[in-house]
């Protein structure tokens, strides 16, 4: 098994179960043309996020890390009338690309895109509770984002953190990079936190070998 196989399977899943989506393709094309890193969730992963939001009946969603707006669009599409998604992006250039794509997708009135360091942008505002939080920003801060989101969740909320397996370095007790060490701290936090029930799923696909954590707020 190799990366070529993983990518081919993702492409098959996308072609058979997801189909072509013009707005999402335009969002990906715009991000690539602007030189944004191609690190957004894959289409099958994005569909899973949508399904989780729908299972939640989510009306309020928080996203750490907008990038080009791909996952924000996917999540915003699931919201009922009156629903709201707040998405946070530290890079102003990325945010501008995302804003144009979100507006082009017809979701400018649903998505509240905020630019700047995530927790600084939110620290003085009374927001929440959020039904679903998706953490996909700078990985060294994943534990901080999780702690912040937990205090603004309700029983039954979900918190999803992406890119936690880090190519398997999650299992390394020493020598891993700061991002991997942060994911280890996240897991230690989860193990000690009685307010959540959590698991981590390893994944392979077009994005390589990684995984995500899902925490249910009790």
N, C-alpha and C. Protein backbone atom coordinates (compact mmCIF):
# COMPACT_ATOMS: atom_id res chain seq x y z
N UNK A 1 0.84 -1.20 0.00
CA UNK A 1 0.00 0.00 0.00
C UNK A 1 0.88 1.24 0.00
N UNK A 2 0.50 2.24 -0.79
CA UNK A 2 1.32 3.44 -0.88
C UNK A 2 0.41 4.65 -1.10
N UNK A 3 1.03 5.83 -1.18
CA UNK A 3 0.25 7.06 -1.31
C UNK A 3 -0.57 7.06 -2.59
N UNK A 4 -0.04 6.50 -3.66
CA UNK A 4 -0.80 6.47 -4.92
C UNK A 4 -2.11 5.71 -4.74
N UNK A 5 -2.06 4.61 -4.00
CA UNK A 5 -3.26 3.83 -3.74
C UNK A 5 -4.24 4.60 -2.87
N UNK A 6 -3.74 5.24 -1.82
CA UNK A 6 -4.61 6.01 -0.93
C UNK A 6 -5.34 7.10 -1.70
N UNK A 7 -4.59 7.79 -2.58
CA UNK A 7 -5.19 8.87 -3.36
C UNK A 7 -6.23 8.33 -4.33
N UNK A 8 -5.93 7.19 -4.97
CA UNK A 8 -6.86 6.60 -5.93
C UNK A 8 -8.17 6.21 -5.25
N UNK A 9 -8.09 5.69 -4.04
CA UNK A 9 -9.31 5.32 -3.32
C UNK A 9 -10.13 6.57 -2.99
N UNK A 10 -9.47 7.63 -2.53
CA UNK A 10 -10.19 8.88 -2.26
C UNK A 10 -10.88 9.39 -3.53
N UNK A 11 -10.19 9.31 -4.65
CA UNK A 11 -10.78 9.78 -5.90
C UNK A 11 -11.99 8.94 -6.29
N UNK A 12 -11.92 7.64 -6.04
CA UNK A 12 -13.05 6.77 -6.33
C UNK A 12 -14.24 7.13 -5.43
N UNK A 13 -13.98 7.31 -4.15
CA UNK A 13 -15.05 7.67 -3.21
C UNK A 13 -15.69 8.99 -3.62
N UNK A 14 -14.84 9.96 -3.97
CA UNK A 14 -15.35 11.26 -4.38
C UNK A 14 -16.23 11.15 -5.62
N UNK A 15 -15.79 10.36 -6.61
CA UNK A 15 -16.52 10.24 -7.87
C UNK A 15 -17.84 9.51 -7.68
N UNK A 16 -17.87 8.50 -6.82
CA UNK A 16 -19.07 7.68 -6.69
C UNK A 16 -20.06 8.20 -5.66
N UNK A 17 -19.59 8.75 -4.57
CA UNK A 17 -20.47 9.13 -3.46
C UNK A 17 -20.68 10.63 -3.32
N UNK A 18 -19.74 11.42 -3.80
CA UNK A 18 -19.83 12.86 -3.59
C UNK A 18 -20.25 13.61 -4.85
N UNK A 19 -19.69 13.23 -5.98
CA UNK A 19 -20.02 13.91 -7.22
C UNK A 19 -19.36 15.27 -7.33
N UNK A 20 -19.58 15.92 -8.46
CA UNK A 20 -18.96 17.22 -8.71
C UNK A 20 -19.77 18.33 -8.06
N UNK A 21 -19.06 19.27 -7.47
CA UNK A 21 -19.70 20.42 -6.83
C UNK A 21 -18.98 21.67 -7.33
N UNK A 22 -19.67 22.45 -8.15
CA UNK A 22 -19.02 23.58 -8.82
C UNK A 22 -18.48 24.60 -7.83
N UNK A 23 -19.27 24.92 -6.81
CA UNK A 23 -18.84 25.95 -5.85
C UNK A 23 -17.61 25.49 -5.07
N UNK A 24 -17.59 24.23 -4.67
CA UNK A 24 -16.44 23.72 -3.94
C UNK A 24 -15.21 23.66 -4.83
N UNK A 25 -15.40 23.28 -6.10
CA UNK A 25 -14.26 23.23 -7.01
C UNK A 25 -13.71 24.62 -7.25
N UNK A 26 -14.58 25.61 -7.38
CA UNK A 26 -14.12 26.99 -7.55
C UNK A 26 -13.36 27.46 -6.32
N UNK A 27 -13.79 27.02 -5.15
CA UNK A 27 -13.09 27.37 -3.92
C UNK A 27 -11.69 26.78 -3.89
N UNK A 28 -11.57 25.52 -4.29
CA UNK A 28 -10.25 24.89 -4.34
C UNK A 28 -9.37 25.55 -5.39
N UNK A 29 -9.95 25.86 -6.55
CA UNK A 29 -9.18 26.49 -7.62
C UNK A 29 -8.69 27.88 -7.20
N UNK A 30 -9.55 28.63 -6.52
CA UNK A 30 -9.17 29.97 -6.08
C UNK A 30 -8.04 29.91 -5.07
N UNK A 31 -8.10 28.95 -4.16
CA UNK A 31 -7.05 28.81 -3.15
C UNK A 31 -5.72 28.44 -3.79
N UNK A 32 -5.78 27.53 -4.75
CA UNK A 32 -4.54 27.13 -5.43
C UNK A 32 -3.97 28.28 -6.24
N UNK A 33 -4.82 29.01 -6.95
CA UNK A 33 -4.36 30.14 -7.77
C UNK A 33 -3.73 31.23 -6.92
N UNK A 34 -4.20 31.37 -5.68
CA UNK A 34 -3.65 32.39 -4.77
C UNK A 34 -2.40 31.91 -4.04
N UNK A 35 -2.00 30.66 -4.29
CA UNK A 35 -0.80 30.14 -3.66
C UNK A 35 -0.98 29.67 -2.24
N UNK A 36 -2.23 29.42 -1.82
CA UNK A 36 -2.45 28.90 -0.48
C UNK A 36 -1.98 27.46 -0.40
N UNK A 37 -1.48 27.03 0.77
CA UNK A 37 -1.09 25.64 0.91
C UNK A 37 -2.28 24.72 0.73
N UNK A 38 -2.08 23.62 0.05
CA UNK A 38 -3.18 22.70 -0.25
C UNK A 38 -3.33 21.69 0.90
N UNK A 39 -3.81 22.19 2.02
CA UNK A 39 -3.89 21.39 3.24
C UNK A 39 -5.31 21.33 3.79
N UNK A 40 -6.30 21.78 3.01
CA UNK A 40 -7.68 21.68 3.45
C UNK A 40 -8.09 20.21 3.56
N UNK A 41 -9.18 19.95 4.25
CA UNK A 41 -9.66 18.58 4.36
C UNK A 41 -9.94 18.04 2.96
N UNK A 42 -9.82 16.73 2.81
CA UNK A 42 -10.17 16.10 1.54
C UNK A 42 -11.68 16.08 1.39
N UNK A 43 -12.19 15.89 0.18
CA UNK A 43 -13.65 15.81 0.00
C UNK A 43 -14.33 14.75 0.87
N UNK A 44 -13.80 13.51 0.98
CA UNK A 44 -14.46 12.56 1.87
C UNK A 44 -14.43 13.00 3.34
N UNK A 45 -13.35 13.63 3.77
CA UNK A 45 -13.30 14.13 5.13
C UNK A 45 -14.29 15.28 5.33
N UNK A 46 -14.41 16.13 4.33
CA UNK A 46 -15.36 17.22 4.40
C UNK A 46 -16.79 16.72 4.49
N UNK A 47 -17.09 15.67 3.75
CA UNK A 47 -18.43 15.09 3.81
C UNK A 47 -18.71 14.54 5.20
N UNK A 48 -17.69 13.95 5.83
CA UNK A 48 -17.87 13.46 7.20
C UNK A 48 -18.19 14.62 8.15
N UNK A 49 -17.49 15.75 8.00
CA UNK A 49 -17.80 16.91 8.82
C UNK A 49 -19.26 17.34 8.63
N UNK A 50 -19.71 17.37 7.39
CA UNK A 50 -21.10 17.72 7.13
C UNK A 50 -22.06 16.76 7.83
N UNK A 51 -21.76 15.48 7.75
CA UNK A 51 -22.64 14.49 8.37
C UNK A 51 -22.68 14.65 9.89
N UNK A 52 -21.53 14.94 10.48
CA UNK A 52 -21.49 15.15 11.93
C UNK A 52 -22.33 16.38 12.31
N UNK A 53 -22.20 17.44 11.52
CA UNK A 53 -22.99 18.64 11.80
C UNK A 53 -24.47 18.36 11.68
N UNK A 54 -24.86 17.60 10.68
CA UNK A 54 -26.28 17.29 10.50
C UNK A 54 -26.78 16.37 11.61
N UNK A 55 -25.99 15.39 12.00
CA UNK A 55 -26.38 14.52 13.11
C UNK A 55 -26.55 15.31 14.39
N UNK A 56 -25.75 16.35 14.55
CA UNK A 56 -25.85 17.22 15.71
C UNK A 56 -27.07 18.12 15.66
N UNK A 57 -27.60 18.32 14.46
CA UNK A 57 -28.60 19.36 14.29
C UNK A 57 -28.01 20.72 14.63
N UNK A 58 -26.76 20.90 14.25
CA UNK A 58 -26.00 22.08 14.68
C UNK A 58 -26.60 23.37 14.14
N UNK A 59 -26.73 24.35 15.02
CA UNK A 59 -27.15 25.69 14.65
C UNK A 59 -26.01 26.68 14.81
N UNK A 60 -25.05 26.36 15.67
CA UNK A 60 -23.90 27.24 15.91
C UNK A 60 -22.63 26.42 15.75
N UNK A 61 -21.75 26.88 14.88
CA UNK A 61 -20.50 26.17 14.58
C UNK A 61 -19.34 27.14 14.70
N UNK A 62 -18.25 26.65 15.27
CA UNK A 62 -17.01 27.43 15.38
C UNK A 62 -15.91 26.67 14.66
N UNK A 63 -15.15 27.39 13.83
CA UNK A 63 -14.03 26.79 13.11
C UNK A 63 -12.76 27.57 13.40
N UNK A 64 -11.73 26.88 13.86
CA UNK A 64 -10.40 27.45 14.01
C UNK A 64 -9.61 27.10 12.76
N UNK A 65 -9.31 28.10 11.93
CA UNK A 65 -8.53 27.88 10.72
C UNK A 65 -9.39 27.84 9.47
N UNK A 66 -9.54 29.00 8.81
CA UNK A 66 -10.40 29.09 7.63
C UNK A 66 -9.69 28.62 6.37
N UNK A 67 -8.40 28.97 6.24
CA UNK A 67 -7.61 28.73 5.03
C UNK A 67 -8.37 29.32 3.83
N UNK A 68 -8.74 28.53 2.84
CA UNK A 68 -9.41 29.06 1.66
C UNK A 68 -10.92 29.02 1.73
N UNK A 69 -11.49 28.57 2.85
CA UNK A 69 -12.93 28.57 3.01
C UNK A 69 -13.64 27.28 2.67
N UNK A 70 -12.89 26.25 2.30
CA UNK A 70 -13.50 24.99 1.84
C UNK A 70 -14.36 24.34 2.92
N UNK A 71 -13.79 24.11 4.09
CA UNK A 71 -14.56 23.44 5.15
C UNK A 71 -15.62 24.37 5.72
N UNK A 72 -15.37 25.67 5.72
CA UNK A 72 -16.39 26.61 6.19
C UNK A 72 -17.64 26.52 5.32
N UNK A 73 -17.46 26.42 4.02
CA UNK A 73 -18.60 26.29 3.11
C UNK A 73 -19.34 24.99 3.36
N UNK A 74 -18.60 23.91 3.50
CA UNK A 74 -19.24 22.61 3.76
C UNK A 74 -20.08 22.67 5.02
N UNK A 75 -19.52 23.22 6.09
CA UNK A 75 -20.24 23.26 7.36
C UNK A 75 -21.41 24.24 7.31
N UNK A 76 -21.21 25.39 6.69
CA UNK A 76 -22.27 26.40 6.63
C UNK A 76 -23.48 25.89 5.87
N UNK A 77 -23.26 25.03 4.90
CA UNK A 77 -24.37 24.49 4.12
C UNK A 77 -25.32 23.64 4.96
N UNK A 78 -24.85 23.12 6.07
CA UNK A 78 -25.69 22.25 6.90
C UNK A 78 -26.57 23.04 7.85
N UNK A 79 -26.32 24.33 8.02
CA UNK A 79 -27.00 25.09 9.06
C UNK A 79 -28.44 25.40 8.68
N UNK A 80 -29.35 25.37 9.64
CA UNK A 80 -30.73 25.75 9.38
C UNK A 80 -30.86 27.26 9.27
N UNK A 81 -32.01 27.73 8.88
CA UNK A 81 -32.26 29.17 8.83
C UNK A 81 -31.99 29.78 10.21
N UNK A 82 -31.23 30.84 10.24
CA UNK A 82 -30.86 31.46 11.50
C UNK A 82 -29.59 30.90 12.11
N UNK A 83 -29.01 29.86 11.50
CA UNK A 83 -27.76 29.28 12.01
C UNK A 83 -26.59 30.21 11.73
N UNK A 84 -25.49 29.94 12.44
CA UNK A 84 -24.33 30.83 12.33
C UNK A 84 -23.04 30.03 12.45
N UNK A 85 -22.09 30.36 11.60
CA UNK A 85 -20.76 29.78 11.67
C UNK A 85 -19.74 30.90 11.84
N UNK A 86 -18.94 30.82 12.89
CA UNK A 86 -17.82 31.73 13.08
C UNK A 86 -16.56 30.98 12.68
N UNK A 87 -15.80 31.54 11.76
CA UNK A 87 -14.54 30.93 11.34
C UNK A 87 -13.41 31.93 11.53
N UNK A 88 -12.30 31.45 12.04
CA UNK A 88 -11.19 32.30 12.46
C UNK A 88 -9.95 31.99 11.64
N UNK A 89 -9.34 33.03 11.08
CA UNK A 89 -8.14 32.87 10.26
C UNK A 89 -7.12 33.94 10.63
N UNK A 90 -5.92 33.51 10.96
CA UNK A 90 -4.87 34.44 11.38
C UNK A 90 -4.24 35.18 10.21
N UNK A 91 -4.24 34.57 9.03
CA UNK A 91 -3.58 35.15 7.86
C UNK A 91 -4.57 35.97 7.04
N UNK A 92 -4.34 37.27 6.96
CA UNK A 92 -5.29 38.15 6.27
C UNK A 92 -5.40 37.84 4.79
N UNK A 93 -4.31 37.42 4.16
CA UNK A 93 -4.36 37.09 2.74
C UNK A 93 -5.22 35.85 2.50
N UNK A 94 -5.04 34.84 3.35
CA UNK A 94 -5.88 33.64 3.24
C UNK A 94 -7.34 34.01 3.44
N UNK A 95 -7.60 34.85 4.45
CA UNK A 95 -8.97 35.22 4.79
C UNK A 95 -9.66 35.91 3.62
N UNK A 96 -8.93 36.75 2.89
CA UNK A 96 -9.54 37.45 1.77
C UNK A 96 -9.92 36.48 0.66
N UNK A 97 -9.06 35.50 0.40
CA UNK A 97 -9.40 34.47 -0.59
C UNK A 97 -10.64 33.71 -0.13
N UNK A 98 -10.67 33.34 1.15
CA UNK A 98 -11.81 32.60 1.69
C UNK A 98 -13.09 33.42 1.62
N UNK A 99 -12.99 34.70 1.96
CA UNK A 99 -14.18 35.55 1.98
C UNK A 99 -14.83 35.60 0.59
N UNK A 100 -14.01 35.74 -0.43
CA UNK A 100 -14.56 35.79 -1.79
C UNK A 100 -15.24 34.47 -2.16
N UNK A 101 -14.62 33.36 -1.78
CA UNK A 101 -15.22 32.06 -2.10
C UNK A 101 -16.51 31.83 -1.33
N UNK A 102 -16.53 32.23 -0.07
CA UNK A 102 -17.74 32.07 0.75
C UNK A 102 -18.88 32.91 0.18
N UNK A 103 -18.59 34.12 -0.23
CA UNK A 103 -19.62 34.97 -0.83
C UNK A 103 -20.09 34.42 -2.17
N UNK A 104 -19.14 33.91 -2.95
CA UNK A 104 -19.51 33.33 -4.25
C UNK A 104 -20.41 32.11 -4.07
N UNK A 105 -20.24 31.39 -2.95
CA UNK A 105 -21.07 30.22 -2.67
C UNK A 105 -22.42 30.62 -2.07
N UNK A 106 -22.67 31.91 -1.91
CA UNK A 106 -23.94 32.37 -1.40
C UNK A 106 -24.11 32.27 0.10
N UNK A 107 -22.99 32.25 0.84
CA UNK A 107 -23.04 32.02 2.28
C UNK A 107 -22.47 33.19 3.08
N UNK A 108 -22.34 34.33 2.44
CA UNK A 108 -21.77 35.48 3.12
C UNK A 108 -22.57 35.94 4.32
N UNK A 109 -23.89 35.70 4.32
CA UNK A 109 -24.73 36.12 5.44
C UNK A 109 -24.73 35.09 6.56
N UNK A 110 -24.23 33.91 6.30
CA UNK A 110 -24.24 32.83 7.30
C UNK A 110 -22.90 32.74 8.02
N UNK A 111 -21.81 33.00 7.29
CA UNK A 111 -20.46 32.81 7.81
C UNK A 111 -19.90 34.13 8.31
N UNK A 112 -19.47 34.14 9.56
CA UNK A 112 -18.81 35.29 10.18
C UNK A 112 -17.31 35.00 10.20
N UNK A 113 -16.59 35.55 9.22
CA UNK A 113 -15.16 35.30 9.07
C UNK A 113 -14.39 36.40 9.81
N UNK A 114 -13.55 35.99 10.76
CA UNK A 114 -12.80 36.94 11.57
C UNK A 114 -11.31 36.73 11.35
N UNK A 115 -10.58 37.83 11.26
CA UNK A 115 -9.17 37.78 10.90
C UNK A 115 -8.32 38.20 12.09
N UNK A 116 -7.32 37.38 12.40
CA UNK A 116 -6.41 37.68 13.49
C UNK A 116 -6.17 36.44 14.34
N UNK A 117 -5.27 36.53 15.32
CA UNK A 117 -5.03 35.40 16.22
C UNK A 117 -6.33 34.94 16.85
N UNK A 118 -6.61 33.67 16.77
CA UNK A 118 -7.95 33.16 17.08
C UNK A 118 -8.44 33.54 18.46
N UNK A 119 -7.69 33.24 19.48
CA UNK A 119 -8.18 33.47 20.83
C UNK A 119 -8.21 34.95 21.18
N UNK A 120 -7.32 35.73 20.57
CA UNK A 120 -7.36 37.17 20.77
C UNK A 120 -8.63 37.75 20.18
N UNK A 121 -9.02 37.24 19.01
CA UNK A 121 -10.21 37.73 18.35
C UNK A 121 -11.47 37.45 19.17
N UNK A 122 -11.45 36.41 19.99
CA UNK A 122 -12.66 35.96 20.66
C UNK A 122 -12.67 36.23 22.16
N UNK A 123 -11.55 36.61 22.74
CA UNK A 123 -11.42 36.57 24.19
C UNK A 123 -12.38 37.52 24.91
N UNK A 124 -12.74 38.64 24.31
CA UNK A 124 -13.59 39.59 25.00
C UNK A 124 -15.06 39.47 24.62
N UNK A 125 -15.39 38.49 23.78
CA UNK A 125 -16.77 38.36 23.32
C UNK A 125 -17.45 37.19 24.00
N UNK A 126 -18.68 37.39 24.40
CA UNK A 126 -19.48 36.34 25.01
C UNK A 126 -20.18 35.57 23.89
N UNK A 127 -19.59 34.46 23.48
CA UNK A 127 -20.14 33.67 22.38
C UNK A 127 -20.39 32.24 22.86
N UNK A 128 -21.18 31.53 22.09
CA UNK A 128 -21.48 30.15 22.42
C UNK A 128 -22.81 30.06 23.16
N UNK A 129 -23.21 28.83 23.51
CA UNK A 129 -22.43 27.63 23.28
C UNK A 129 -22.48 27.20 21.81
N UNK A 130 -21.42 26.50 21.40
CA UNK A 130 -21.35 25.98 20.04
C UNK A 130 -21.75 24.51 20.02
N UNK A 131 -22.52 24.16 19.00
CA UNK A 131 -22.94 22.77 18.85
C UNK A 131 -21.82 21.91 18.28
N UNK A 132 -20.97 22.52 17.46
CA UNK A 132 -19.86 21.81 16.83
C UNK A 132 -18.69 22.77 16.70
N UNK A 133 -17.52 22.32 17.09
CA UNK A 133 -16.28 23.08 16.89
C UNK A 133 -15.32 22.23 16.08
N UNK A 134 -14.75 22.84 15.04
CA UNK A 134 -13.76 22.16 14.20
C UNK A 134 -12.44 22.89 14.35
N UNK A 135 -11.43 22.18 14.83
CA UNK A 135 -10.10 22.75 15.08
C UNK A 135 -9.15 22.31 13.98
N UNK A 136 -8.73 23.25 13.16
CA UNK A 136 -7.85 22.92 12.03
C UNK A 136 -6.95 24.12 11.74
N UNK A 137 -6.35 24.67 12.79
CA UNK A 137 -5.49 25.84 12.65
C UNK A 137 -4.06 25.45 13.01
N UNK A 138 -3.26 26.41 13.50
CA UNK A 138 -1.87 26.12 13.87
C UNK A 138 -1.85 25.03 14.94
N UNK A 139 -1.14 23.96 14.64
CA UNK A 139 -1.27 22.73 15.42
C UNK A 139 -0.68 22.83 16.82
N UNK A 140 0.29 23.71 17.02
CA UNK A 140 0.87 23.82 18.36
C UNK A 140 -0.15 24.38 19.35
N UNK A 141 -1.19 25.02 18.86
CA UNK A 141 -2.21 25.60 19.74
C UNK A 141 -3.46 24.75 19.85
N UNK A 142 -3.46 23.56 19.28
CA UNK A 142 -4.65 22.72 19.36
C UNK A 142 -5.14 22.53 20.80
N UNK A 143 -4.28 22.23 21.77
CA UNK A 143 -4.79 22.09 23.15
C UNK A 143 -5.45 23.37 23.67
N UNK A 144 -4.89 24.53 23.33
CA UNK A 144 -5.48 25.79 23.77
C UNK A 144 -6.84 26.03 23.13
N UNK A 145 -6.95 25.72 21.84
CA UNK A 145 -8.23 25.88 21.16
C UNK A 145 -9.27 24.92 21.75
N UNK A 146 -8.84 23.70 22.04
CA UNK A 146 -9.77 22.74 22.62
C UNK A 146 -10.27 23.23 23.98
N UNK A 147 -9.36 23.69 24.83
CA UNK A 147 -9.76 24.16 26.16
C UNK A 147 -10.74 25.32 26.05
N UNK A 148 -10.49 26.24 25.13
CA UNK A 148 -11.36 27.38 24.93
C UNK A 148 -12.74 26.93 24.46
N UNK A 149 -12.75 26.02 23.48
CA UNK A 149 -14.02 25.54 22.92
C UNK A 149 -14.83 24.77 23.96
N UNK A 150 -14.17 24.00 24.80
CA UNK A 150 -14.89 23.21 25.79
C UNK A 150 -15.69 24.09 26.73
N UNK A 151 -15.13 25.23 27.10
CA UNK A 151 -15.83 26.14 28.01
C UNK A 151 -17.02 26.82 27.32
N UNK A 152 -17.10 26.69 26.00
CA UNK A 152 -18.19 27.32 25.25
C UNK A 152 -18.98 26.28 24.47
N UNK A 153 -19.06 25.09 25.05
CA UNK A 153 -19.86 24.01 24.49
C UNK A 153 -20.97 23.66 25.47
N UNK A 154 -21.88 22.83 25.01
CA UNK A 154 -22.97 22.36 25.85
C UNK A 154 -22.93 20.84 25.90
N UNK A 155 -23.63 20.22 26.85
CA UNK A 155 -23.73 18.76 26.81
C UNK A 155 -24.30 18.30 25.47
N UNK A 156 -23.60 17.39 24.82
CA UNK A 156 -23.99 16.93 23.50
C UNK A 156 -23.23 17.56 22.37
N UNK A 157 -22.48 18.64 22.64
CA UNK A 157 -21.67 19.26 21.59
C UNK A 157 -20.53 18.34 21.18
N UNK A 158 -20.05 18.55 19.95
CA UNK A 158 -18.88 17.83 19.45
C UNK A 158 -17.74 18.81 19.22
N UNK A 159 -16.52 18.37 19.54
CA UNK A 159 -15.31 19.11 19.21
C UNK A 159 -14.44 18.17 18.39
N UNK A 160 -14.12 18.58 17.18
CA UNK A 160 -13.33 17.76 16.25
C UNK A 160 -12.00 18.46 16.01
N UNK A 161 -10.91 17.76 16.20
CA UNK A 161 -9.57 18.30 15.95
C UNK A 161 -8.90 17.50 14.84
N UNK A 162 -8.44 18.19 13.81
CA UNK A 162 -7.84 17.52 12.65
C UNK A 162 -6.32 17.47 12.79
N UNK A 163 -5.72 16.54 12.04
CA UNK A 163 -4.25 16.42 11.93
C UNK A 163 -3.58 16.13 13.26
N UNK A 164 -4.14 15.20 14.02
CA UNK A 164 -3.59 14.91 15.34
C UNK A 164 -2.60 13.75 15.34
N UNK A 165 -2.60 12.91 14.33
CA UNK A 165 -1.73 11.73 14.32
C UNK A 165 -0.34 12.07 13.81
N UNK A 166 -0.27 13.09 12.94
CA UNK A 166 1.02 13.63 12.50
C UNK A 166 1.94 12.57 11.91
N UNK A 167 1.39 11.77 11.02
CA UNK A 167 2.22 10.75 10.38
C UNK A 167 2.74 9.70 11.34
N UNK A 168 2.06 9.51 12.45
CA UNK A 168 2.46 8.51 13.44
C UNK A 168 3.31 9.05 14.56
N UNK A 169 3.75 10.30 14.46
CA UNK A 169 4.61 10.85 15.52
C UNK A 169 3.85 11.10 16.81
N UNK A 170 2.52 10.99 16.77
CA UNK A 170 1.73 11.09 18.00
C UNK A 170 2.20 10.06 19.03
N UNK A 171 2.69 8.92 18.56
CA UNK A 171 3.10 7.84 19.47
C UNK A 171 4.51 8.02 20.02
N UNK A 172 5.24 9.02 19.53
CA UNK A 172 6.62 9.21 19.97
C UNK A 172 6.66 9.97 21.29
N UNK A 173 7.35 9.42 22.25
CA UNK A 173 7.44 10.08 23.56
C UNK A 173 8.51 11.16 23.60
N UNK A 174 9.43 11.11 22.67
CA UNK A 174 10.50 12.12 22.63
C UNK A 174 10.92 12.33 21.18
N UNK A 175 11.41 13.51 20.89
CA UNK A 175 11.96 13.78 19.56
C UNK A 175 10.96 14.25 18.54
N UNK A 176 9.67 14.19 18.85
CA UNK A 176 8.68 14.66 17.89
C UNK A 176 8.69 16.18 17.84
N UNK A 177 8.20 16.73 16.72
CA UNK A 177 8.20 18.18 16.58
C UNK A 177 7.15 18.81 17.50
N UNK A 178 7.18 20.14 17.67
CA UNK A 178 6.25 20.79 18.60
C UNK A 178 4.78 20.52 18.28
N UNK A 179 4.44 20.41 16.99
CA UNK A 179 3.05 20.14 16.63
C UNK A 179 2.61 18.77 17.12
N UNK A 180 3.48 17.78 16.98
CA UNK A 180 3.15 16.44 17.47
C UNK A 180 3.08 16.40 18.98
N UNK A 181 3.98 17.10 19.64
CA UNK A 181 3.95 17.15 21.09
C UNK A 181 2.66 17.82 21.58
N UNK A 182 2.18 18.79 20.85
CA UNK A 182 0.92 19.44 21.21
C UNK A 182 -0.25 18.46 21.13
N UNK A 183 -0.21 17.58 20.13
CA UNK A 183 -1.29 16.59 20.02
C UNK A 183 -1.21 15.56 21.15
N UNK A 184 -0.02 15.26 21.60
CA UNK A 184 0.11 14.39 22.77
C UNK A 184 -0.50 15.08 24.00
N UNK A 185 -0.24 16.38 24.15
CA UNK A 185 -0.83 17.12 25.27
C UNK A 185 -2.35 17.13 25.18
N UNK A 186 -2.86 17.28 23.96
CA UNK A 186 -4.30 17.23 23.77
C UNK A 186 -4.87 15.91 24.30
N UNK A 187 -4.24 14.82 23.95
CA UNK A 187 -4.74 13.52 24.40
C UNK A 187 -4.64 13.37 25.91
N UNK A 188 -3.58 13.90 26.49
CA UNK A 188 -3.46 13.86 27.95
C UNK A 188 -4.56 14.70 28.60
N UNK A 189 -4.88 15.84 28.01
CA UNK A 189 -5.97 16.67 28.51
C UNK A 189 -7.29 15.91 28.45
N UNK A 190 -7.53 15.25 27.32
CA UNK A 190 -8.77 14.51 27.14
C UNK A 190 -8.89 13.38 28.16
N UNK A 191 -7.78 12.70 28.41
CA UNK A 191 -7.80 11.59 29.36
C UNK A 191 -8.13 12.05 30.77
N UNK A 192 -7.74 13.29 31.10
CA UNK A 192 -7.95 13.81 32.45
C UNK A 192 -9.23 14.62 32.59
N UNK A 193 -9.95 14.80 31.50
CA UNK A 193 -11.11 15.69 31.50
C UNK A 193 -12.42 14.89 31.63
N UNK A 194 -13.09 14.95 32.78
CA UNK A 194 -14.31 14.16 32.96
C UNK A 194 -15.50 14.67 32.17
N UNK A 195 -15.40 15.87 31.58
CA UNK A 195 -16.53 16.43 30.86
C UNK A 195 -16.64 15.95 29.42
N UNK A 196 -15.68 15.14 28.96
CA UNK A 196 -15.73 14.69 27.57
C UNK A 196 -15.48 13.19 27.47
N UNK A 197 -15.99 12.64 26.40
CA UNK A 197 -15.69 11.27 26.00
C UNK A 197 -15.11 11.37 24.59
N UNK A 198 -13.92 10.81 24.36
CA UNK A 198 -13.22 11.10 23.11
C UNK A 198 -12.55 9.85 22.54
N UNK A 199 -12.31 9.92 21.25
CA UNK A 199 -11.50 8.92 20.58
C UNK A 199 -10.76 9.58 19.42
N UNK A 200 -9.73 8.90 18.94
CA UNK A 200 -8.95 9.36 17.79
C UNK A 200 -8.95 8.27 16.72
N UNK A 201 -9.17 8.68 15.49
CA UNK A 201 -9.24 7.78 14.35
C UNK A 201 -8.07 8.06 13.42
N UNK A 202 -7.28 7.04 13.13
CA UNK A 202 -6.21 7.19 12.15
C UNK A 202 -6.81 7.12 10.75
N UNK A 203 -6.24 7.90 9.83
CA UNK A 203 -6.75 7.93 8.46
C UNK A 203 -5.61 7.83 7.46
N UNK A 204 -5.94 7.30 6.29
CA UNK A 204 -5.08 7.43 5.11
C UNK A 204 -5.95 7.95 3.98
N UNK A 205 -5.34 8.61 3.01
CA UNK A 205 -6.09 9.15 1.90
C UNK A 205 -5.23 10.08 1.10
N UNK A 206 -5.86 10.97 0.35
CA UNK A 206 -5.10 11.89 -0.49
C UNK A 206 -4.24 12.83 0.32
N UNK A 207 -4.54 12.99 1.62
CA UNK A 207 -3.73 13.84 2.50
C UNK A 207 -2.67 13.05 3.23
N UNK A 208 -2.47 11.80 2.86
CA UNK A 208 -1.43 11.00 3.50
C UNK A 208 -1.93 10.32 4.76
N UNK A 209 -1.01 10.02 5.65
CA UNK A 209 -1.32 9.31 6.89
C UNK A 209 -1.47 10.32 8.02
N UNK A 210 -2.65 10.37 8.61
CA UNK A 210 -2.90 11.30 9.71
C UNK A 210 -4.07 10.79 10.52
N UNK A 211 -4.90 11.68 11.02
CA UNK A 211 -6.06 11.27 11.79
C UNK A 211 -6.70 12.44 12.50
N UNK A 212 -7.86 12.18 13.12
CA UNK A 212 -8.59 13.24 13.79
C UNK A 212 -9.15 12.73 15.11
N UNK A 213 -9.39 13.67 16.02
CA UNK A 213 -9.97 13.38 17.31
C UNK A 213 -11.40 13.92 17.35
N UNK A 214 -12.31 13.13 17.91
CA UNK A 214 -13.68 13.58 18.13
C UNK A 214 -13.96 13.47 19.63
N UNK A 215 -14.38 14.59 20.22
CA UNK A 215 -14.71 14.63 21.64
C UNK A 215 -16.17 15.01 21.80
N UNK A 216 -16.92 14.19 22.55
CA UNK A 216 -18.32 14.46 22.86
C UNK A 216 -18.38 15.10 24.24
N UNK A 217 -19.00 16.24 24.33
CA UNK A 217 -19.15 16.93 25.62
C UNK A 217 -20.30 16.27 26.38
N UNK A 218 -20.02 15.82 27.59
CA UNK A 218 -21.00 15.08 28.38
C UNK A 218 -21.88 16.01 29.20
